[in-house]
């Protein structure tokens, strides 16, 4: 998928060493001086579990638990981790029995006692498959819908809520194009959310988050001019709504919805009216209702922003 704005069309890899090094180099080239004031913070680095040279990342939180990944001398590749607020509480979720030798995994989100992410190993032919856990490595379920996607299929799960999971997949049946997916706990339950009628032939899409029976993400195709447009679904491809606020951002604009809760969606957009820079966006279910959250008065000229989470009428990013 075309990388137009923000984190778009991501296909994260399990073997992370080269990726992490590249990210660190990129961050070094775009360093920002930021001051944080924090209270009740916890160091989740679980070196006792991961071994020497360990590193870790926490990517999701709910109900007093956190998910992400860690890697070190004891794990080799990245292993999905589940914490309960302390480094000592870390649980290794990597399902080596399910994935096979040389396996690795990452957990992206958690809700309602379930965790979702991606894994790969000898049993997956080295390809990534979407995973669902219920708090332990032994509970892992392979969500990869190979029947739906076709040969060479690959999938990722990025969001979870209410017993359902969202993400993306691709394979021979999709022309190797990314298609947004919705699961209800099993590979066979997978629903292809890609709105080809809305986006045009050869389109791609990705679902990033789910809440209250709705899913948020992005898609692109001939009908979007190849730009990514934020999308909102209600469980089917036909229900897809194009959230891209072209009136706000200008012609040829692009956008992504990163999170959803309480009938609101947040993300990022860019276009001629933003000078090509990224701005945080807030929607309430329609493109016309989009609000530009970029605090230029606070940040100064040429400022950029992104919104990554929403809850109880507040947004963060």
C-alpha atoms as a PDB file:
ATOM      1  CA  UNK A   1       0.000   0.000   0.000  1.00  0.00           C
ATOM      2  CA  UNK A   2       1.186   3.512  -0.744  1.00  0.00           C
ATOM      3  CA  UNK A   3       2.826   5.126   2.280  1.00  0.00           C
ATOM      4  CA  UNK A   4       1.079   8.485   2.151  1.00  0.00           C
ATOM      5  CA  UNK A   5       0.508   9.541   5.734  1.00  0.00           C
ATOM      6  CA  UNK A   6       1.483   8.183   9.107  1.00  0.00           C
ATOM      7  CA  UNK A   7       1.868   4.473   9.763  1.00  0.00           C
ATOM      8  CA  UNK A   8       0.167   2.938   6.770  1.00  0.00           C
ATOM      9  CA  UNK A   9       0.123  -0.461   5.146  1.00  0.00           C
ATOM     10  CA  UNK A  10       2.506  -1.898   7.712  1.00  0.00           C
ATOM     11  CA  UNK A  11       3.718  -5.437   7.285  1.00  0.00           C
ATOM     12  CA  UNK A  12       5.791  -5.912  10.441  1.00  0.00           C
ATOM     13  CA  UNK A  13       8.406  -8.624  10.414  1.00  0.00           C
ATOM     14  CA  UNK A  14       9.058 -11.185  13.110  1.00  0.00           C
ATOM     15  CA  UNK A  15      12.851 -11.066  12.842  1.00  0.00           C
ATOM     16  CA  UNK A  16      13.217  -7.565  14.214  1.00  0.00           C
ATOM     17  CA  UNK A  17      16.931  -6.865  14.599  1.00  0.00           C
ATOM     18  CA  UNK A  18      17.387  -5.112  11.248  1.00  0.00           C
ATOM     19  CA  UNK A  19      14.046  -3.329  11.562  1.00  0.00           C
ATOM     20  CA  UNK A  20      14.779  -2.042  15.053  1.00  0.00           C
ATOM     21  CA  UNK A  21      18.201  -0.816  13.918  1.00  0.00           C
ATOM     22  CA  UNK A  22      16.604   1.005  10.990  1.00  0.00           C
ATOM     23  CA  UNK A  23      13.976   2.568  13.255  1.00  0.00           C
ATOM     24  CA  UNK A  24      16.622   3.722  15.696  1.00  0.00           C
ATOM     25  CA  UNK A  25      18.566   5.318  12.847  1.00  0.00           C
ATOM     26  CA  UNK A  26      15.435   7.030  11.563  1.00  0.00           C
ATOM     27  CA  UNK A  27      14.569   8.336  15.012  1.00  0.00           C
ATOM     28  CA  UNK A  28      18.098   9.643  15.433  1.00  0.00           C
ATOM     29  CA  UNK A  29      17.642  11.622  12.220  1.00  0.00           C
ATOM     30  CA  UNK A  30      14.348  13.089  13.432  1.00  0.00           C
ATOM     31  CA  UNK A  31      15.076  13.638  17.103  1.00  0.00           C
ATOM     32  CA  UNK A  32      12.727  15.917  19.039  1.00  0.00           C
ATOM     33  CA  UNK A  33      13.370  17.541  22.396  1.00  0.00           C
ATOM     34  CA  UNK A  34      10.410  16.493  24.513  1.00  0.00           C
ATOM     35  CA  UNK A  35       9.886  16.845  28.256  1.00  0.00           C
ATOM     36  CA  UNK A  36       7.623  14.336  30.018  1.00  0.00           C
ATOM     37  CA  UNK A  37       6.119  14.522  33.479  1.00  0.00           C
ATOM     38  CA  UNK A  38       5.013  11.086  34.677  1.00  0.00           C
ATOM     39  CA  UNK A  39       3.495   9.500  37.760  1.00  0.00           C
ATOM     40  CA  UNK A  40       3.181   5.842  38.753  1.00  0.00           C
ATOM     41  CA  UNK A  41       5.390   4.642  35.903  1.00  0.00           C
ATOM     42  CA  UNK A  42       6.672   1.067  35.700  1.00  0.00           C
ATOM     43  CA  UNK A  43       9.724  -0.413  34.003  1.00  0.00           C
ATOM     44  CA  UNK A  44       8.437  -3.413  32.051  1.00  0.00           C
ATOM     45  CA  UNK A  45      11.805  -4.489  30.634  1.00  0.00           C
ATOM     46  CA  UNK A  46      11.786  -8.206  31.437  1.00  0.00           C
ATOM     47  CA  UNK A  47      15.467  -9.025  31.043  1.00  0.00           C
ATOM     48  CA  UNK A  48      15.168 -11.961  33.463  1.00  0.00           C
ATOM     49  CA  UNK A  49      12.784 -13.596  30.996  1.00  0.00           C
ATOM     50  CA  UNK A  50      14.418 -12.483  27.742  1.00  0.00           C
ATOM     51  CA  UNK A  51      18.057 -12.806  28.715  1.00  0.00           C
ATOM     52  CA  UNK A  52      21.064 -10.595  28.062  1.00  0.00           C
ATOM     53  CA  UNK A  53      20.909  -7.826  25.495  1.00  0.00           C
ATOM     54  CA  UNK A  54      17.150  -7.704  25.897  1.00  0.00           C
ATOM     55  CA  UNK A  55      14.833  -5.081  24.516  1.00  0.00           C
ATOM     56  CA  UNK A  56      11.070  -4.786  24.694  1.00  0.00           C
ATOM     57  CA  UNK A  57       8.112  -2.734  23.546  1.00  0.00           C
ATOM     58  CA  UNK A  58       4.623  -2.392  25.035  1.00  0.00           C
ATOM     59  CA  UNK A  59       2.026  -1.684  22.332  1.00  0.00           C
ATOM     60  CA  UNK A  60      -1.384  -2.150  23.968  1.00  0.00           C
ATOM     61  CA  UNK A  61      -3.051  -1.835  27.368  1.00  0.00           C
ATOM     62  CA  UNK A  62      -6.408  -2.792  28.900  1.00  0.00           C
ATOM     63  CA  UNK A  63      -7.721  -3.920  32.259  1.00  0.00           C
ATOM     64  CA  UNK A  64      -4.421  -3.456  34.063  1.00  0.00           C
ATOM     65  CA  UNK A  65      -2.459  -5.559  31.572  1.00  0.00           C
ATOM     66  CA  UNK A  66      -0.080  -4.664  28.774  1.00  0.00           C
ATOM     67  CA  UNK A  67       1.038  -6.447  25.600  1.00  0.00           C
ATOM     68  CA  UNK A  68       3.943  -6.119  23.203  1.00  0.00           C
ATOM     69  CA  UNK A  69       7.100  -8.055  22.525  1.00  0.00           C
ATOM     70  CA  UNK A  70      10.562  -8.705  23.879  1.00  0.00           C
ATOM     71  CA  UNK A  71      13.738 -10.243  22.548  1.00  0.00           C
ATOM     72  CA  UNK A  72      17.103 -11.240  23.941  1.00  0.00           C
ATOM     73  CA  UNK A  73      19.543 -14.101  24.284  1.00  0.00           C
ATOM     74  CA  UNK A  74      16.824 -16.377  25.726  1.00  0.00           C
ATOM     75  CA  UNK A  75      14.349 -15.798  22.895  1.00  0.00           C
ATOM     76  CA  UNK A  76      16.362 -15.335  19.716  1.00  0.00           C
ATOM     77  CA  UNK A  77      13.522 -13.847  17.680  1.00  0.00           C
ATOM     78  CA  UNK A  78      10.932 -11.492  19.138  1.00  0.00           C
ATOM     79  CA  UNK A  79       8.401 -13.105  21.486  1.00  0.00           C
ATOM     80  CA  UNK A  80       4.961 -11.690  22.274  1.00  0.00           C
ATOM     81  CA  UNK A  81       4.737 -10.673  25.932  1.00  0.00           C
ATOM     82  CA  UNK A  82       1.930 -10.037  28.413  1.00  0.00           C
ATOM     83  CA  UNK A  83       2.539  -7.960  31.553  1.00  0.00           C
ATOM     84  CA  UNK A  84       0.437  -7.103  34.586  1.00  0.00           C
ATOM     85  CA  UNK A  85       2.170  -3.847  35.452  1.00  0.00           C
ATOM     86  CA  UNK A  86       5.655  -5.036  36.388  1.00  0.00           C
ATOM     87  CA  UNK A  87       8.683  -6.517  34.667  1.00  0.00           C
ATOM     88  CA  UNK A  88       8.517  -9.547  36.953  1.00  0.00           C
ATOM     89  CA  UNK A  89       4.937 -10.284  35.840  1.00  0.00           C
ATOM     90  CA  UNK A  90       5.910 -10.778  32.171  1.00  0.00           C
ATOM     91  CA  UNK A  91       4.514 -13.881  30.463  1.00  0.00           C
ATOM     92  CA  UNK A  92       5.987 -15.235  27.239  1.00  0.00           C
ATOM     93  CA  UNK A  93       3.066 -15.709  24.833  1.00  0.00           C
ATOM     94  CA  UNK A  94       5.132 -17.122  21.980  1.00  0.00           C
ATOM     95  CA  UNK A  95       3.288 -20.293  20.858  1.00  0.00           C
ATOM     96  CA  UNK A  96       6.256 -22.407  19.795  1.00  0.00           C
ATOM     97  CA  UNK A  97       4.136 -25.601  19.748  1.00  0.00           C
ATOM     98  CA  UNK A  98       1.705 -23.988  17.319  1.00  0.00           C
ATOM     99  CA  UNK A  99       4.249 -22.148  15.157  1.00  0.00           C
ATOM    100  CA  UNK A 100       7.098 -24.641  15.192  1.00  0.00           C
ATOM    101  CA  UNK A 101      10.842 -24.244  15.611  1.00  0.00           C
ATOM    102  CA  UNK A 102      12.495 -20.869  15.194  1.00  0.00           C
ATOM    103  CA  UNK A 103       9.209 -19.136  15.881  1.00  0.00           C
ATOM    104  CA  UNK A 104       8.624 -15.513  16.803  1.00  0.00           C
ATOM    105  CA  UNK A 105       5.629 -13.362  17.603  1.00  0.00           C
ATOM    106  CA  UNK A 106       4.393  -9.869  18.457  1.00  0.00           C
ATOM    107  CA  UNK A 107       1.249  -8.828  20.360  1.00  0.00           C
ATOM    108  CA  UNK A 108      -0.342  -5.551  19.259  1.00  0.00           C
ATOM    109  CA  UNK A 109      -3.552  -5.156  21.237  1.00  0.00           C
ATOM    110  CA  UNK A 110      -5.491  -6.455  24.242  1.00  0.00           C
ATOM    111  CA  UNK A 111      -9.132  -6.243  25.365  1.00  0.00           C
ATOM    112  CA  UNK A 112     -11.616  -8.412  27.216  1.00  0.00           C
ATOM    113  CA  UNK A 113      -9.020 -10.990  28.227  1.00  0.00           C
ATOM    114  CA  UNK A 114      -7.860 -11.528  24.640  1.00  0.00           C
ATOM    115  CA  UNK A 115      -4.653 -10.503  22.894  1.00  0.00           C
ATOM    116  CA  UNK A 116      -3.954 -10.270  19.164  1.00  0.00           C
ATOM    117  CA  UNK A 117      -0.880 -10.015  16.994  1.00  0.00           C
ATOM    118  CA  UNK A 118       1.225 -11.992  14.552  1.00  0.00           C
ATOM    119  CA  UNK A 119       3.571 -14.963  14.553  1.00  0.00           C
ATOM    120  CA  UNK A 120       5.772 -17.007  12.242  1.00  0.00           C
ATOM    121  CA  UNK A 121       7.771 -20.225  12.412  1.00  0.00           C
ATOM    122  CA  UNK A 122       8.546 -23.521  10.740  1.00  0.00           C
ATOM    123  CA  UNK A 123       4.879 -24.565  10.823  1.00  0.00           C
ATOM    124  CA  UNK A 124       3.823 -21.419   8.950  1.00  0.00           C
ATOM    125  CA  UNK A 125       6.402 -21.858   6.218  1.00  0.00           C
ATOM    126  CA  UNK A 126       8.122 -18.751   7.513  1.00  0.00           C
ATOM    127  CA  UNK A 127       5.128 -16.587   6.587  1.00  0.00           C
ATOM    128  CA  UNK A 128       3.349 -14.420   9.164  1.00  0.00           C
ATOM    129  CA  UNK A 129      -0.051 -15.461  10.526  1.00  0.00           C
ATOM    130  CA  UNK A 130      -2.497 -13.512  12.653  1.00  0.00           C
ATOM    131  CA  UNK A 131      -2.699 -14.814  16.219  1.00  0.00           C
ATOM    132  CA  UNK A 132      -5.255 -14.679  19.026  1.00  0.00           C
ATOM    133  CA  UNK A 133      -4.403 -15.451  22.656  1.00  0.00           C
ATOM    134  CA  UNK A 134      -6.401 -15.706  25.864  1.00  0.00           C
ATOM    135  CA  UNK A 135      -3.607 -14.976  28.302  1.00  0.00           C
ATOM    136  CA  UNK A 136      -1.236 -17.901  27.710  1.00  0.00           C
ATOM    137  CA  UNK A 137       1.019 -19.260  24.973  1.00  0.00           C
ATOM    138  CA  UNK A 138      -0.940 -22.534  25.006  1.00  0.00           C
ATOM    139  CA  UNK A 139      -4.189 -20.678  24.237  1.00  0.00           C
ATOM    140  CA  UNK A 140      -2.910 -19.283  20.921  1.00  0.00           C
ATOM    141  CA  UNK A 141      -5.175 -19.625  17.878  1.00  0.00           C
ATOM    142  CA  UNK A 142      -3.929 -19.298  14.293  1.00  0.00           C
ATOM    143  CA  UNK A 143      -6.367 -16.882  12.619  1.00  0.00           C
ATOM    144  CA  UNK A 144      -4.810 -17.024   9.156  1.00  0.00           C
ATOM    145  CA  UNK A 145      -7.726 -17.582   6.721  1.00  0.00           C
ATOM    146  CA  UNK A 146      -5.862 -19.471   4.011  1.00  0.00           C
ATOM    147  CA  UNK A 147      -9.095 -20.690   2.420  1.00  0.00           C
ATOM    148  CA  UNK A 148     -10.291 -17.111   2.038  1.00  0.00           C
ATOM    149  CA  UNK A 149      -6.953 -15.571   1.006  1.00  0.00           C
ATOM    150  CA  UNK A 150      -5.527 -18.389  -1.112  1.00  0.00           C
ATOM    151  CA  UNK A 151      -2.027 -19.786  -1.421  1.00  0.00           C
ATOM    152  CA  UNK A 152       0.887 -17.900   0.078  1.00  0.00           C
ATOM    153  CA  UNK A 153      -1.495 -16.178   2.463  1.00  0.00           C
ATOM    154  CA  UNK A 154      -0.261 -13.873   5.210  1.00  0.00           C
ATOM    155  CA  UNK A 155      -2.229 -12.067   7.894  1.00  0.00           C
ATOM    156  CA  UNK A 156      -1.916  -9.727  10.872  1.00  0.00           C
ATOM    157  CA  UNK A 157      -4.332  -8.928  13.715  1.00  0.00           C
ATOM    158  CA  UNK A 158      -4.110  -5.341  14.992  1.00  0.00           C
ATOM    159  CA  UNK A 159      -7.217  -4.813  17.133  1.00  0.00           C
ATOM    160  CA  UNK A 160      -9.571  -6.735  19.409  1.00  0.00           C
ATOM    161  CA  UNK A 161     -12.861  -5.988  21.187  1.00  0.00           C
ATOM    162  CA  UNK A 162     -16.051  -7.814  22.095  1.00  0.00           C
ATOM    163  CA  UNK A 163     -14.717 -11.199  21.019  1.00  0.00           C
ATOM    164  CA  UNK A 164     -13.854  -9.970  17.534  1.00  0.00           C
ATOM    165  CA  UNK A 165     -10.516  -9.174  15.920  1.00  0.00           C
ATOM    166  CA  UNK A 166      -9.430  -6.977  12.993  1.00  0.00           C
ATOM    167  CA  UNK A 167      -6.376  -6.643  10.813  1.00  0.00           C
ATOM    168  CA  UNK A 168      -5.355  -7.461   7.273  1.00  0.00           C
ATOM    169  CA  UNK A 169      -4.412 -10.357   5.033  1.00  0.00           C
ATOM    170  CA  UNK A 170      -3.246 -11.066   1.524  1.00  0.00           C
ATOM    171  CA  UNK A 171      -2.658 -14.022  -0.770  1.00  0.00           C
ATOM    172  CA  UNK A 172      -3.260 -15.381  -4.251  1.00  0.00           C
ATOM    173  CA  UNK A 173      -7.021 -14.794  -3.983  1.00  0.00           C
ATOM    174  CA  UNK A 174      -6.474 -11.086  -3.317  1.00  0.00           C
ATOM    175  CA  UNK A 175      -3.879 -10.590  -6.035  1.00  0.00           C
ATOM    176  CA  UNK A 176      -1.408 -10.124  -3.175  1.00  0.00           C
ATOM    177  CA  UNK A 177      -3.214  -6.892  -2.272  1.00  0.00           C
ATOM    178  CA  UNK A 178      -3.880  -6.191   1.400  1.00  0.00           C
ATOM    179  CA  UNK A 179      -7.513  -6.649   2.417  1.00  0.00           C
ATOM    180  CA  UNK A 180      -9.016  -5.649   5.741  1.00  0.00           C
ATOM    181  CA  UNK A 181     -10.205  -8.623   7.775  1.00  0.00           C
ATOM    182  CA  UNK A 182     -12.673  -9.186  10.605  1.00  0.00           C
ATOM    183  CA  UNK A 183     -12.600 -12.350  12.709  1.00  0.00           C
ATOM    184  CA  UNK A 184     -14.788 -13.800  15.459  1.00  0.00           C
ATOM    185  CA  UNK A 185     -12.164 -15.979  17.102  1.00  0.00           C
ATOM    186  CA  UNK A 186     -11.348 -18.504  14.382  1.00  0.00           C
ATOM    187  CA  UNK A 187      -9.684 -18.573  10.976  1.00  0.00           C
ATOM    188  CA  UNK A 188     -12.891 -19.842   9.356  1.00  0.00           C
ATOM    189  CA  UNK A 189     -14.870 -16.894  10.730  1.00  0.00           C
ATOM    190  CA  UNK A 190     -12.826 -14.368   8.727  1.00  0.00           C
ATOM    191  CA  UNK A 191     -14.757 -11.754   6.755  1.00  0.00           C
ATOM    192  CA  UNK A 192     -13.150  -9.817   3.892  1.00  0.00           C
ATOM    193  CA  UNK A 193     -13.925  -6.149   4.560  1.00  0.00           C
ATOM    194  CA  UNK A 194     -12.214  -4.779   1.457  1.00  0.00           C
ATOM    195  CA  UNK A 195     -14.744  -2.372  -0.130  1.00  0.00           C
ATOM    196  CA  UNK A 196     -13.842  -2.831  -3.792  1.00  0.00           C
ATOM    197  CA  UNK A 197     -17.087  -1.185  -4.903  1.00  0.00           C
ATOM    198  CA  UNK A 198     -16.183   1.944  -2.937  1.00  0.00           C
ATOM    199  CA  UNK A 199     -12.449   2.000  -3.706  1.00  0.00           C
ATOM    200  CA  UNK A 200     -12.347   0.511  -7.208  1.00  0.00           C
ATOM    201  CA  UNK A 201     -10.726  -2.555  -8.739  1.00  0.00           C
ATOM    202  CA  UNK A 202      -7.382  -3.721  -7.397  1.00  0.00           C
ATOM    203  CA  UNK A 203      -8.000  -1.877  -4.139  1.00  0.00           C
ATOM    204  CA  UNK A 204      -6.304  -2.483  -0.797  1.00  0.00           C
ATOM    205  CA  UNK A 205      -7.420  -1.951   2.781  1.00  0.00           C
ATOM    206  CA  UNK A 206      -6.459  -2.466   6.402  1.00  0.00           C
ATOM    207  CA  UNK A 207      -8.465  -2.481   9.643  1.00  0.00           C
ATOM    208  CA  UNK A 208      -6.579  -1.021  12.605  1.00  0.00           C
ATOM    209  CA  UNK A 209      -9.131  -0.959  15.419  1.00  0.00           C
ATOM    210  CA  UNK A 210     -12.547  -2.214  16.505  1.00  0.00           C
ATOM    211  CA  UNK A 211     -15.110  -1.071  19.074  1.00  0.00           C
ATOM    212  CA  UNK A 212     -18.876  -1.187  19.463  1.00  0.00           C
ATOM    213  CA  UNK A 213     -19.430  -3.279  16.358  1.00  0.00           C
ATOM    214  CA  UNK A 214     -17.511  -0.891  14.119  1.00  0.00           C
ATOM    215  CA  UNK A 215     -14.053  -1.090  12.583  1.00  0.00           C
ATOM    216  CA  UNK A 216     -11.676   1.705  11.568  1.00  0.00           C
ATOM    217  CA  UNK A 217      -8.700   1.749   9.248  1.00  0.00           C
ATOM    218  CA  UNK A 218      -7.808   2.754   5.707  1.00  0.00           C
ATOM    219  CA  UNK A 219      -8.041   1.817   2.064  1.00  0.00           C
ATOM    220  CA  UNK A 220      -6.914   2.944  -1.356  1.00  0.00           C
ATOM    221  CA  UNK A 221      -7.641   2.262  -4.985  1.00  0.00           C
ATOM    222  CA  UNK A 222      -8.476   3.899  -8.317  1.00  0.00           C
ATOM    223  CA  UNK A 223     -11.416   5.750  -6.774  1.00  0.00           C
ATOM    224  CA  UNK A 224      -9.169   7.407  -4.190  1.00  0.00           C
ATOM    225  CA  UNK A 225      -6.534   8.430  -6.715  1.00  0.00           C
ATOM    226  CA  UNK A 226      -4.173   5.935  -5.131  1.00  0.00           C
ATOM    227  CA  UNK A 227      -4.162   7.888  -1.864  1.00  0.00           C
ATOM    228  CA  UNK A 228      -5.017   6.223   1.426  1.00  0.00           C
ATOM    229  CA  UNK A 229      -8.438   7.182   2.769  1.00  0.00           C
ATOM    230  CA  UNK A 230      -9.606   6.596   6.320  1.00  0.00           C
ATOM    231  CA  UNK A 231     -12.422   4.041   6.399  1.00  0.00           C
ATOM    232  CA  UNK A 232     -15.173   3.071   8.824  1.00  0.00           C
ATOM    233  CA  UNK A 233     -16.981  -0.264   8.650  1.00  0.00           C
ATOM    234  CA  UNK A 234     -19.914  -1.853  10.484  1.00  0.00           C
ATOM    235  CA  UNK A 235     -18.976  -5.485   9.990  1.00  0.00           C
ATOM    236  CA  UNK A 236     -19.210  -5.875   6.206  1.00  0.00           C
ATOM    237  CA  UNK A 237     -17.423  -4.632   3.107  1.00  0.00           C
ATOM    238  CA  UNK A 238     -20.660  -3.074   1.860  1.00  0.00           C
ATOM    239  CA  UNK A 239     -20.965  -0.987   5.024  1.00  0.00           C
ATOM    240  CA  UNK A 240     -17.686   0.873   4.420  1.00  0.00           C
ATOM    241  CA  UNK A 241     -17.749   4.668   4.734  1.00  0.00           C
ATOM    242  CA  UNK A 242     -15.004   6.856   3.263  1.00  0.00           C
ATOM    243  CA  UNK A 243     -13.958   9.237   6.056  1.00  0.00           C
ATOM    244  CA  UNK A 244     -11.388  11.187   4.047  1.00  0.00           C
ATOM    245  CA  UNK A 245     -12.211  14.885   4.661  1.00  0.00           C
ATOM    246  CA  UNK A 246     -11.238  16.331   1.286  1.00  0.00           C
ATOM    247  CA  UNK A 247     -13.171  19.537   2.012  1.00  0.00           C
ATOM    248  CA  UNK A 248     -11.009  20.054   5.097  1.00  0.00           C
ATOM    249  CA  UNK A 249      -7.664  18.805   3.763  1.00  0.00           C
ATOM    250  CA  UNK A 250      -7.922  19.780   0.102  1.00  0.00           C
ATOM    251  CA  UNK A 251      -7.874  17.869  -3.178  1.00  0.00           C
ATOM    252  CA  UNK A 252      -5.615  14.843  -3.455  1.00  0.00           C
ATOM    253  CA  UNK A 253      -5.599  14.459   0.321  1.00  0.00           C
ATOM    254  CA  UNK A 254      -5.032  11.270   2.284  1.00  0.00           C
ATOM    255  CA  UNK A 255      -5.948  10.000   5.738  1.00  0.00           C
ATOM    256  CA  UNK A 256      -5.830   7.046   8.123  1.00  0.00           C
ATOM    257  CA  UNK A 257      -8.068   6.084  11.059  1.00  0.00           C
ATOM    258  CA  UNK A 258      -5.964   4.621  13.883  1.00  0.00           C
ATOM    259  CA  UNK A 259      -8.465   4.087  16.713  1.00  0.00           C
ATOM    260  CA  UNK A 260     -12.186   4.026  17.474  1.00  0.00           C
ATOM    261  CA  UNK A 261     -14.346   4.227  20.599  1.00  0.00           C
ATOM    262  CA  UNK A 262     -17.702   5.640  21.616  1.00  0.00           C
ATOM    263  CA  UNK A 263     -18.745   6.559  18.106  1.00  0.00           C
ATOM    264  CA  UNK A 264     -15.585   8.574  17.439  1.00  0.00           C
ATOM    265  CA  UNK A 265     -12.535   7.825  15.316  1.00  0.00           C
ATOM    266  CA  UNK A 266      -9.072   9.381  15.377  1.00  0.00           C
ATOM    267  CA  UNK A 267      -6.093   9.327  13.082  1.00  0.00           C
ATOM    268  CA  UNK A 268      -4.108  11.449  10.695  1.00  0.00           C
ATOM    269  CA  UNK A 269      -4.488  13.296   7.419  1.00  0.00           C
ATOM    270  CA  UNK A 270      -2.556  15.451   4.970  1.00  0.00           C
ATOM    271  CA  UNK A 271      -3.302  17.510   1.879  1.00  0.00           C
ATOM    272  CA  UNK A 272      -2.830  20.884   0.191  1.00  0.00           C
ATOM    273  CA  UNK A 273      -4.650  22.683   3.007  1.00  0.00           C
ATOM    274  CA  UNK A 274      -2.163  21.339   5.554  1.00  0.00           C
ATOM    275  CA  UNK A 275       0.844  22.276   3.447  1.00  0.00           C
ATOM    276  CA  UNK A 276       1.416  18.563   2.909  1.00  0.00           C
ATOM    277  CA  UNK A 277       2.117  18.071   6.602  1.00  0.00           C
ATOM    278  CA  UNK A 278       0.327  15.483   8.745  1.00  0.00           C
ATOM    279  CA  UNK A 279      -2.397  16.665  11.111  1.00  0.00           C
ATOM    280  CA  UNK A 280      -4.283  14.764  13.803  1.00  0.00           C
ATOM    281  CA  UNK A 281      -7.929  14.205  12.924  1.00  0.00           C
ATOM    282  CA  UNK A 282     -11.120  13.428  14.842  1.00  0.00           C
ATOM    283  CA  UNK A 283     -14.242  12.010  13.214  1.00  0.00           C
ATOM    284  CA  UNK A 284     -17.743  11.179  14.446  1.00  0.00           C
ATOM    285  CA  UNK A 285     -18.632   8.703  11.723  1.00  0.00           C
ATOM    286  CA  UNK A 286     -18.590  10.952   8.645  1.00  0.00           C
ATOM    287  CA  UNK A 287     -16.064  12.752   6.480  1.00  0.00           C
ATOM    288  CA  UNK A 288     -18.044  15.988   6.776  1.00  0.00           C
ATOM    289  CA  UNK A 289     -17.712  15.961  10.552  1.00  0.00           C
ATOM    290  CA  UNK A 290     -13.909  15.730  10.604  1.00  0.00           C
ATOM    291  CA  UNK A 291     -12.067  18.056  12.996  1.00  0.00           C
ATOM    292  CA  UNK A 292      -8.443  19.147  12.543  1.00  0.00           C
ATOM    293  CA  UNK A 293      -6.820  18.638  15.970  1.00  0.00           C
ATOM    294  CA  UNK A 294      -3.366  19.968  15.020  1.00  0.00           C
ATOM    295  CA  UNK A 295      -2.495  22.539  17.730  1.00  0.00           C
ATOM    296  CA  UNK A 296      -0.491  24.941  15.578  1.00  0.00           C
ATOM    297  CA  UNK A 297      -0.900  27.742  18.125  1.00  0.00           C
ATOM    298  CA  UNK A 298       0.750  25.523  20.714  1.00  0.00           C
ATOM    299  CA  UNK A 299       3.382  23.863  18.519  1.00  0.00           C
ATOM    300  CA  UNK A 300       4.202  26.710  16.151  1.00  0.00           C
ATOM    301  CA  UNK A 301       4.389  27.079  12.386  1.00  0.00           C
ATOM    302  CA  UNK A 302       5.001  23.993  10.297  1.00  0.00           C
ATOM    303  CA  UNK A 303       3.724  21.791  13.115  1.00  0.00           C
ATOM    304  CA  UNK A 304       2.499  18.249  12.568  1.00  0.00           C
ATOM    305  CA  UNK A 305       0.557  15.785  14.709  1.00  0.00           C
ATOM    306  CA  UNK A 306      -1.168  12.417  14.794  1.00  0.00           C
ATOM    307  CA  UNK A 307      -3.925  10.994  17.000  1.00  0.00           C
ATOM    308  CA  UNK A 308      -3.454   7.385  18.080  1.00  0.00           C
ATOM    309  CA  UNK A 309      -6.147   6.771  20.692  1.00  0.00           C
ATOM    310  CA  UNK A 310      -9.633   7.866  21.767  1.00  0.00           C
ATOM    311  CA  UNK A 311     -11.777   7.147  24.824  1.00  0.00           C
ATOM    312  CA  UNK A 312     -14.477   8.901  26.866  1.00  0.00           C
ATOM    313  CA  UNK A 313     -14.491  11.961  24.629  1.00  0.00           C
ATOM    314  CA  UNK A 314     -10.738  12.537  24.797  1.00  0.00           C
ATOM    315  CA  UNK A 315      -8.007  11.911  22.251  1.00  0.00           C
ATOM    316  CA  UNK A 316      -4.272  11.288  22.547  1.00  0.00           C
ATOM    317  CA  UNK A 317      -1.336  11.319  20.165  1.00  0.00           C
END
